[in-house]
Amino acid sequence: MSLNVLFICTQNRLRSPTAEHVFADWPGVETQSAGLGHEATSPVSPELLAWSDLIFVMEKSHRGKLSKKFKRYLGGKRVICLDIRDDYAYMDPLLVALLKQRVPKFLPSGPRSSEPMNDQTGR
């Protein structure tokens, strides 16, 4: 059985899609991403929250907005704040490095290959 992990940022354009991509091949994990903003590419919904087992938000303000807007759908699910500000482009190597540093301790096992997790630039 997979752990369903939801990554949330503001507009679902940079940080959360990067996280979804970086951890898409993690064993035993299914990933999706969403945004809390009015113009989010993929908005947070009750259905996504019901699907998720573990939720990562990028900023403390996201946790507050999530609780305020969707409290009844959270059902005591763990919401982890990664403290990553909106300073990065999609797949920015610095963003990828921060995600790889902060997320894995909350996930089962390790990456599927025996090699270190690499971003698309091979770093």
N, C-alpha and C. Protein backbone atom coordinates (compact mmCIF):
# COMPACT_ATOMS: atom_id res chain seq x y z
N MET A 1 0.84 -1.19 0.00
CA MET A 1 0.00 0.00 0.00
C MET A 1 0.88 1.24 0.00
N SER A 2 0.53 2.19 -0.82
CA SER A 2 1.32 3.42 -0.95
C SER A 2 0.90 4.47 0.06
N LEU A 3 1.86 5.31 0.39
CA LEU A 3 1.61 6.50 1.19
C LEU A 3 1.31 7.62 0.22
N ASN A 4 0.14 8.23 0.32
CA ASN A 4 -0.25 9.31 -0.57
C ASN A 4 0.20 10.64 0.02
N VAL A 5 1.11 11.31 -0.70
CA VAL A 5 1.73 12.53 -0.21
C VAL A 5 1.29 13.71 -1.07
N LEU A 6 0.78 14.74 -0.40
CA LEU A 6 0.32 15.95 -1.08
C LEU A 6 1.24 17.11 -0.72
N PHE A 7 1.77 17.78 -1.74
CA PHE A 7 2.61 18.96 -1.55
C PHE A 7 1.79 20.19 -1.91
N ILE A 8 1.80 21.20 -1.02
CA ILE A 8 0.98 22.39 -1.21
C ILE A 8 1.83 23.65 -1.15
N CYS A 9 1.61 24.55 -2.12
CA CYS A 9 2.19 25.89 -2.08
C CYS A 9 1.07 26.88 -2.42
N THR A 10 1.42 28.04 -2.91
CA THR A 10 0.40 29.06 -3.17
C THR A 10 -0.32 28.83 -4.49
N GLN A 11 0.42 28.85 -5.60
CA GLN A 11 -0.21 28.78 -6.92
C GLN A 11 -0.02 27.43 -7.63
N ASN A 12 0.68 26.50 -7.01
CA ASN A 12 0.93 25.19 -7.62
C ASN A 12 1.62 25.34 -8.98
N ARG A 13 2.60 26.24 -9.03
CA ARG A 13 3.33 26.44 -10.28
C ARG A 13 4.82 26.15 -10.15
N LEU A 14 5.39 26.34 -8.95
CA LEU A 14 6.84 26.22 -8.80
C LEU A 14 7.25 25.22 -7.73
N ARG A 15 7.00 25.54 -6.47
CA ARG A 15 7.50 24.72 -5.37
C ARG A 15 6.81 23.36 -5.26
N SER A 16 5.50 23.34 -5.15
CA SER A 16 4.83 22.05 -4.96
C SER A 16 4.94 21.13 -6.18
N PRO A 17 4.86 21.66 -7.43
CA PRO A 17 5.09 20.75 -8.56
C PRO A 17 6.52 20.20 -8.60
N THR A 18 7.48 21.01 -8.16
CA THR A 18 8.86 20.52 -8.08
C THR A 18 8.93 19.37 -7.09
N ALA A 19 8.34 19.54 -5.92
CA ALA A 19 8.35 18.48 -4.90
C ALA A 19 7.65 17.23 -5.42
N GLU A 20 6.51 17.41 -6.08
CA GLU A 20 5.79 16.27 -6.64
C GLU A 20 6.70 15.50 -7.62
N HIS A 21 7.41 16.22 -8.46
CA HIS A 21 8.30 15.60 -9.45
C HIS A 21 9.48 14.91 -8.78
N VAL A 22 10.12 15.59 -7.83
CA VAL A 22 11.31 15.05 -7.17
C VAL A 22 11.02 13.73 -6.46
N PHE A 23 9.84 13.64 -5.83
CA PHE A 23 9.53 12.44 -5.04
C PHE A 23 8.59 11.46 -5.74
N ALA A 24 8.33 11.67 -7.03
CA ALA A 24 7.41 10.81 -7.78
C ALA A 24 7.89 9.35 -7.84
N ASP A 25 9.19 9.13 -7.83
CA ASP A 25 9.72 7.76 -7.93
C ASP A 25 10.12 7.17 -6.59
N TRP A 26 9.75 7.82 -5.51
CA TRP A 26 10.08 7.30 -4.17
C TRP A 26 9.28 6.02 -3.95
N PRO A 27 9.93 4.95 -3.48
CA PRO A 27 9.19 3.70 -3.29
C PRO A 27 8.12 3.80 -2.22
N GLY A 28 6.97 3.25 -2.53
CA GLY A 28 5.87 3.23 -1.57
C GLY A 28 5.17 4.56 -1.40
N VAL A 29 5.42 5.48 -2.33
CA VAL A 29 4.85 6.83 -2.22
C VAL A 29 4.19 7.22 -3.54
N GLU A 30 3.01 7.79 -3.44
CA GLU A 30 2.33 8.42 -4.58
C GLU A 30 2.29 9.91 -4.27
N THR A 31 2.58 10.76 -5.25
CA THR A 31 2.62 12.20 -5.00
C THR A 31 1.63 12.96 -5.87
N GLN A 32 1.13 14.04 -5.30
CA GLN A 32 0.34 15.03 -6.02
C GLN A 32 0.68 16.39 -5.43
N SER A 33 0.32 17.45 -6.16
CA SER A 33 0.56 18.80 -5.65
C SER A 33 -0.66 19.66 -5.93
N ALA A 34 -0.75 20.74 -5.14
CA ALA A 34 -1.89 21.64 -5.27
C ALA A 34 -1.51 23.00 -4.70
N GLY A 35 -2.37 23.98 -4.96
CA GLY A 35 -2.13 25.33 -4.46
C GLY A 35 -3.33 25.87 -3.71
N LEU A 36 -3.05 26.77 -2.78
CA LEU A 36 -4.11 27.38 -1.98
C LEU A 36 -4.59 28.71 -2.55
N GLY A 37 -3.88 29.26 -3.53
CA GLY A 37 -4.24 30.55 -4.11
C GLY A 37 -5.47 30.46 -5.00
N HIS A 38 -6.08 31.61 -5.23
CA HIS A 38 -7.30 31.67 -6.06
C HIS A 38 -7.04 31.24 -7.50
N GLU A 39 -5.81 31.45 -7.98
CA GLU A 39 -5.48 31.11 -9.36
C GLU A 39 -4.55 29.90 -9.45
N ALA A 40 -4.62 29.03 -8.48
CA ALA A 40 -3.75 27.85 -8.46
C ALA A 40 -4.01 26.97 -9.68
N THR A 41 -2.93 26.44 -10.24
CA THR A 41 -3.04 25.55 -11.39
C THR A 41 -3.90 24.34 -11.05
N SER A 42 -3.64 23.73 -9.90
CA SER A 42 -4.45 22.64 -9.38
C SER A 42 -4.82 23.02 -7.94
N PRO A 43 -6.03 23.50 -7.71
CA PRO A 43 -6.40 23.97 -6.37
C PRO A 43 -6.57 22.83 -5.36
N VAL A 44 -6.26 23.14 -4.11
CA VAL A 44 -6.53 22.19 -3.02
C VAL A 44 -8.03 21.93 -3.01
N SER A 45 -8.41 20.68 -2.83
CA SER A 45 -9.83 20.31 -2.82
C SER A 45 -10.08 19.29 -1.72
N PRO A 46 -11.32 19.15 -1.30
CA PRO A 46 -11.65 18.11 -0.33
C PRO A 46 -11.25 16.72 -0.83
N GLU A 47 -11.36 16.48 -2.13
CA GLU A 47 -11.01 15.18 -2.70
C GLU A 47 -9.50 14.90 -2.57
N LEU A 48 -8.68 15.91 -2.84
CA LEU A 48 -7.23 15.74 -2.69
C LEU A 48 -6.86 15.49 -1.24
N LEU A 49 -7.51 16.21 -0.34
CA LEU A 49 -7.22 16.03 1.08
C LEU A 49 -7.66 14.64 1.55
N ALA A 50 -8.79 14.15 1.04
CA ALA A 50 -9.25 12.81 1.39
C ALA A 50 -8.27 11.76 0.87
N TRP A 51 -7.70 12.00 -0.32
CA TRP A 51 -6.74 11.08 -0.92
C TRP A 51 -5.44 11.02 -0.13
N SER A 52 -5.03 12.14 0.44
CA SER A 52 -3.69 12.25 1.05
C SER A 52 -3.61 11.58 2.43
N ASP A 53 -2.43 11.00 2.68
CA ASP A 53 -2.10 10.46 4.00
C ASP A 53 -1.19 11.42 4.75
N LEU A 54 -0.39 12.16 4.00
CA LEU A 54 0.61 13.07 4.56
C LEU A 54 0.62 14.33 3.71
N ILE A 55 0.64 15.49 4.36
CA ILE A 55 0.56 16.76 3.65
C ILE A 55 1.78 17.61 4.02
N PHE A 56 2.46 18.11 2.98
CA PHE A 56 3.56 19.05 3.18
C PHE A 56 3.11 20.42 2.66
N VAL A 57 3.30 21.45 3.48
CA VAL A 57 3.07 22.82 3.03
C VAL A 57 4.43 23.50 2.98
N MET A 58 4.56 24.51 2.13
CA MET A 58 5.85 25.17 1.96
C MET A 58 6.10 26.26 3.01
N GLU A 59 5.03 26.91 3.50
CA GLU A 59 5.19 28.01 4.44
C GLU A 59 4.18 27.88 5.58
N LYS A 60 4.50 28.50 6.71
CA LYS A 60 3.58 28.48 7.86
C LYS A 60 2.22 29.06 7.49
N SER A 61 2.22 30.10 6.66
CA SER A 61 0.94 30.70 6.27
C SER A 61 0.05 29.70 5.53
N HIS A 62 0.67 28.77 4.81
CA HIS A 62 -0.12 27.74 4.11
C HIS A 62 -0.83 26.83 5.10
N ARG A 63 -0.15 26.50 6.20
CA ARG A 63 -0.78 25.65 7.22
C ARG A 63 -2.01 26.36 7.78
N GLY A 64 -1.88 27.65 8.07
CA GLY A 64 -3.01 28.41 8.60
C GLY A 64 -4.17 28.48 7.63
N LYS A 65 -3.87 28.77 6.37
CA LYS A 65 -4.92 28.85 5.34
C LYS A 65 -5.59 27.49 5.14
N LEU A 66 -4.79 26.45 5.14
CA LEU A 66 -5.32 25.10 4.97
C LEU A 66 -6.28 24.76 6.11
N SER A 67 -5.86 25.04 7.33
CA SER A 67 -6.71 24.76 8.50
C SER A 67 -7.98 25.59 8.47
N LYS A 68 -7.84 26.85 8.09
CA LYS A 68 -9.01 27.74 8.08
C LYS A 68 -10.02 27.33 7.01
N LYS A 69 -9.53 27.01 5.83
CA LYS A 69 -10.40 26.72 4.69
C LYS A 69 -10.90 25.28 4.65
N PHE A 70 -10.08 24.34 5.14
CA PHE A 70 -10.38 22.92 4.95
C PHE A 70 -10.33 22.11 6.23
N LYS A 71 -10.48 22.74 7.38
CA LYS A 71 -10.30 22.05 8.67
C LYS A 71 -11.08 20.74 8.75
N ARG A 72 -12.33 20.76 8.33
CA ARG A 72 -13.16 19.56 8.49
C ARG A 72 -12.71 18.42 7.58
N TYR A 73 -11.90 18.72 6.56
CA TYR A 73 -11.42 17.68 5.65
C TYR A 73 -10.05 17.13 6.04
N LEU A 74 -9.40 17.76 7.00
CA LEU A 74 -8.07 17.32 7.39
C LEU A 74 -8.11 16.09 8.29
N GLY A 75 -9.14 15.96 9.09
CA GLY A 75 -9.34 14.77 9.91
C GLY A 75 -8.13 14.33 10.72
N GLY A 76 -7.40 15.27 11.26
CA GLY A 76 -6.25 14.93 12.07
C GLY A 76 -5.02 14.48 11.30
N LYS A 77 -5.02 14.68 9.98
CA LYS A 77 -3.87 14.29 9.17
C LYS A 77 -2.66 15.15 9.52
N ARG A 78 -1.50 14.57 9.38
CA ARG A 78 -0.27 15.29 9.69
C ARG A 78 0.03 16.30 8.58
N VAL A 79 0.24 17.55 8.98
CA VAL A 79 0.60 18.62 8.06
C VAL A 79 1.98 19.12 8.47
N ILE A 80 2.95 18.97 7.59
CA ILE A 80 4.34 19.33 7.89
C ILE A 80 4.73 20.57 7.09
N CYS A 81 5.26 21.56 7.79
CA CYS A 81 5.72 22.78 7.14
C CYS A 81 7.21 22.64 6.80
N LEU A 82 7.54 22.86 5.54
CA LEU A 82 8.92 22.73 5.08
C LEU A 82 9.71 24.04 5.18
N ASP A 83 9.04 25.14 5.47
CA ASP A 83 9.69 26.46 5.58
C ASP A 83 10.52 26.78 4.34
N ILE A 84 9.90 26.70 3.18
CA ILE A 84 10.56 27.05 1.92
C ILE A 84 9.81 28.22 1.30
N ARG A 85 10.48 29.37 1.26
CA ARG A 85 9.85 30.58 0.73
C ARG A 85 9.72 30.52 -0.79
N ASP A 86 8.91 31.42 -1.31
CA ASP A 86 8.63 31.47 -2.75
C ASP A 86 9.74 32.21 -3.49
N ASP A 87 10.94 31.67 -3.43
CA ASP A 87 12.12 32.31 -4.03
C ASP A 87 12.74 31.49 -5.16
N TYR A 88 12.05 30.46 -5.62
CA TYR A 88 12.69 29.51 -6.53
C TYR A 88 11.84 29.28 -7.78
N ALA A 89 12.52 28.97 -8.88
CA ALA A 89 11.85 28.57 -10.11
C ALA A 89 11.56 27.07 -10.05
N TYR A 90 10.72 26.60 -10.96
CA TYR A 90 10.43 25.17 -11.05
C TYR A 90 11.73 24.40 -11.30
N MET A 91 11.97 23.38 -10.51
CA MET A 91 13.14 22.50 -10.59
C MET A 91 14.46 23.25 -10.38
N ASP A 92 14.42 24.39 -9.72
CA ASP A 92 15.64 25.12 -9.35
C ASP A 92 16.51 24.18 -8.52
N PRO A 93 17.79 24.02 -8.86
CA PRO A 93 18.65 23.10 -8.12
C PRO A 93 18.70 23.39 -6.61
N LEU A 94 18.62 24.64 -6.22
CA LEU A 94 18.61 24.97 -4.79
C LEU A 94 17.32 24.50 -4.12
N LEU A 95 16.20 24.64 -4.82
CA LEU A 95 14.92 24.16 -4.30
C LEU A 95 14.94 22.64 -4.19
N VAL A 96 15.44 21.98 -5.21
CA VAL A 96 15.53 20.52 -5.20
C VAL A 96 16.38 20.06 -4.02
N ALA A 97 17.50 20.74 -3.79
CA ALA A 97 18.38 20.38 -2.67
C ALA A 97 17.68 20.55 -1.33
N LEU A 98 16.94 21.65 -1.16
CA LEU A 98 16.19 21.86 0.08
C LEU A 98 15.15 20.77 0.30
N LEU A 99 14.43 20.44 -0.75
CA LEU A 99 13.41 19.39 -0.65
C LEU A 99 14.04 18.05 -0.27
N LYS A 100 15.15 17.72 -0.91
CA LYS A 100 15.83 16.45 -0.62
C LYS A 100 16.39 16.41 0.80
N GLN A 101 16.66 17.58 1.34
CA GLN A 101 17.16 17.67 2.71
C GLN A 101 16.03 17.54 3.73
N ARG A 102 14.86 18.10 3.42
CA ARG A 102 13.80 18.23 4.43
C ARG A 102 12.70 17.17 4.36
N VAL A 103 12.45 16.59 3.22
CA VAL A 103 11.30 15.69 3.06
C VAL A 103 11.58 14.22 3.41
N PRO A 104 12.71 13.63 2.97
CA PRO A 104 12.89 12.18 3.11
C PRO A 104 12.72 11.61 4.51
N LYS A 105 13.04 12.35 5.54
CA LYS A 105 12.92 11.80 6.90
C LYS A 105 11.48 11.47 7.27
N PHE A 106 10.52 11.98 6.51
CA PHE A 106 9.11 11.71 6.77
C PHE A 106 8.55 10.61 5.86
N LEU A 107 9.36 10.12 4.93
CA LEU A 107 8.91 9.13 3.96
C LEU A 107 9.46 7.74 4.28
N PRO A 108 8.76 6.69 3.82
CA PRO A 108 9.27 5.34 4.05
C PRO A 108 10.50 5.06 3.20
N SER A 109 11.38 4.21 3.70
CA SER A 109 12.59 3.72 3.01
C SER A 109 13.37 4.81 2.29
N GLY A 110 13.84 4.51 1.07
CA GLY A 110 14.67 5.46 0.35
C GLY A 110 14.33 5.47 -1.12
N PRO A 111 15.11 6.22 -1.92
CA PRO A 111 14.84 6.27 -3.36
C PRO A 111 14.93 4.88 -3.99
N ARG A 112 14.29 4.69 -5.12
CA ARG A 112 14.22 3.37 -5.75
C ARG A 112 15.57 2.86 -6.20
N SER A 113 16.45 3.72 -6.65
CA SER A 113 17.76 3.25 -7.09
C SER A 113 18.74 3.32 -5.93
N SER A 114 19.88 2.66 -6.08
CA SER A 114 20.89 2.70 -5.03
C SER A 114 21.75 3.95 -5.16
N GLU A 115 21.54 4.70 -6.23
CA GLU A 115 22.30 5.92 -6.43
C GLU A 115 21.62 7.08 -5.72
N PRO A 116 22.39 8.14 -5.41
CA PRO A 116 21.78 9.31 -4.77
C PRO A 116 20.74 9.94 -5.69
N MET A 117 19.77 10.60 -5.09
CA MET A 117 18.74 11.27 -5.87
C MET A 117 19.38 12.41 -6.66
N ASN A 118 19.19 12.42 -7.97
CA ASN A 118 19.74 13.48 -8.81
C ASN A 118 18.63 14.31 -9.40
N ASP A 119 18.89 15.61 -9.57
CA ASP A 119 17.91 16.44 -10.27
C ASP A 119 18.15 16.26 -11.76
N GLN A 120 17.40 16.97 -12.60
CA GLN A 120 17.49 16.77 -14.04
C GLN A 120 18.83 17.21 -14.61
N THR A 121 19.60 18.01 -13.88
CA THR A 121 20.88 18.47 -14.40
C THR A 121 21.99 17.48 -14.06
N GLY A 122 21.67 16.42 -13.32
CA GLY A 122 22.65 15.40 -13.00
C GLY A 122 23.55 15.74 -11.83
N ARG A 123 23.16 16.73 -11.05
CA ARG A 123 23.96 17.11 -9.89
C ARG A 123 23.67 16.23 -8.71
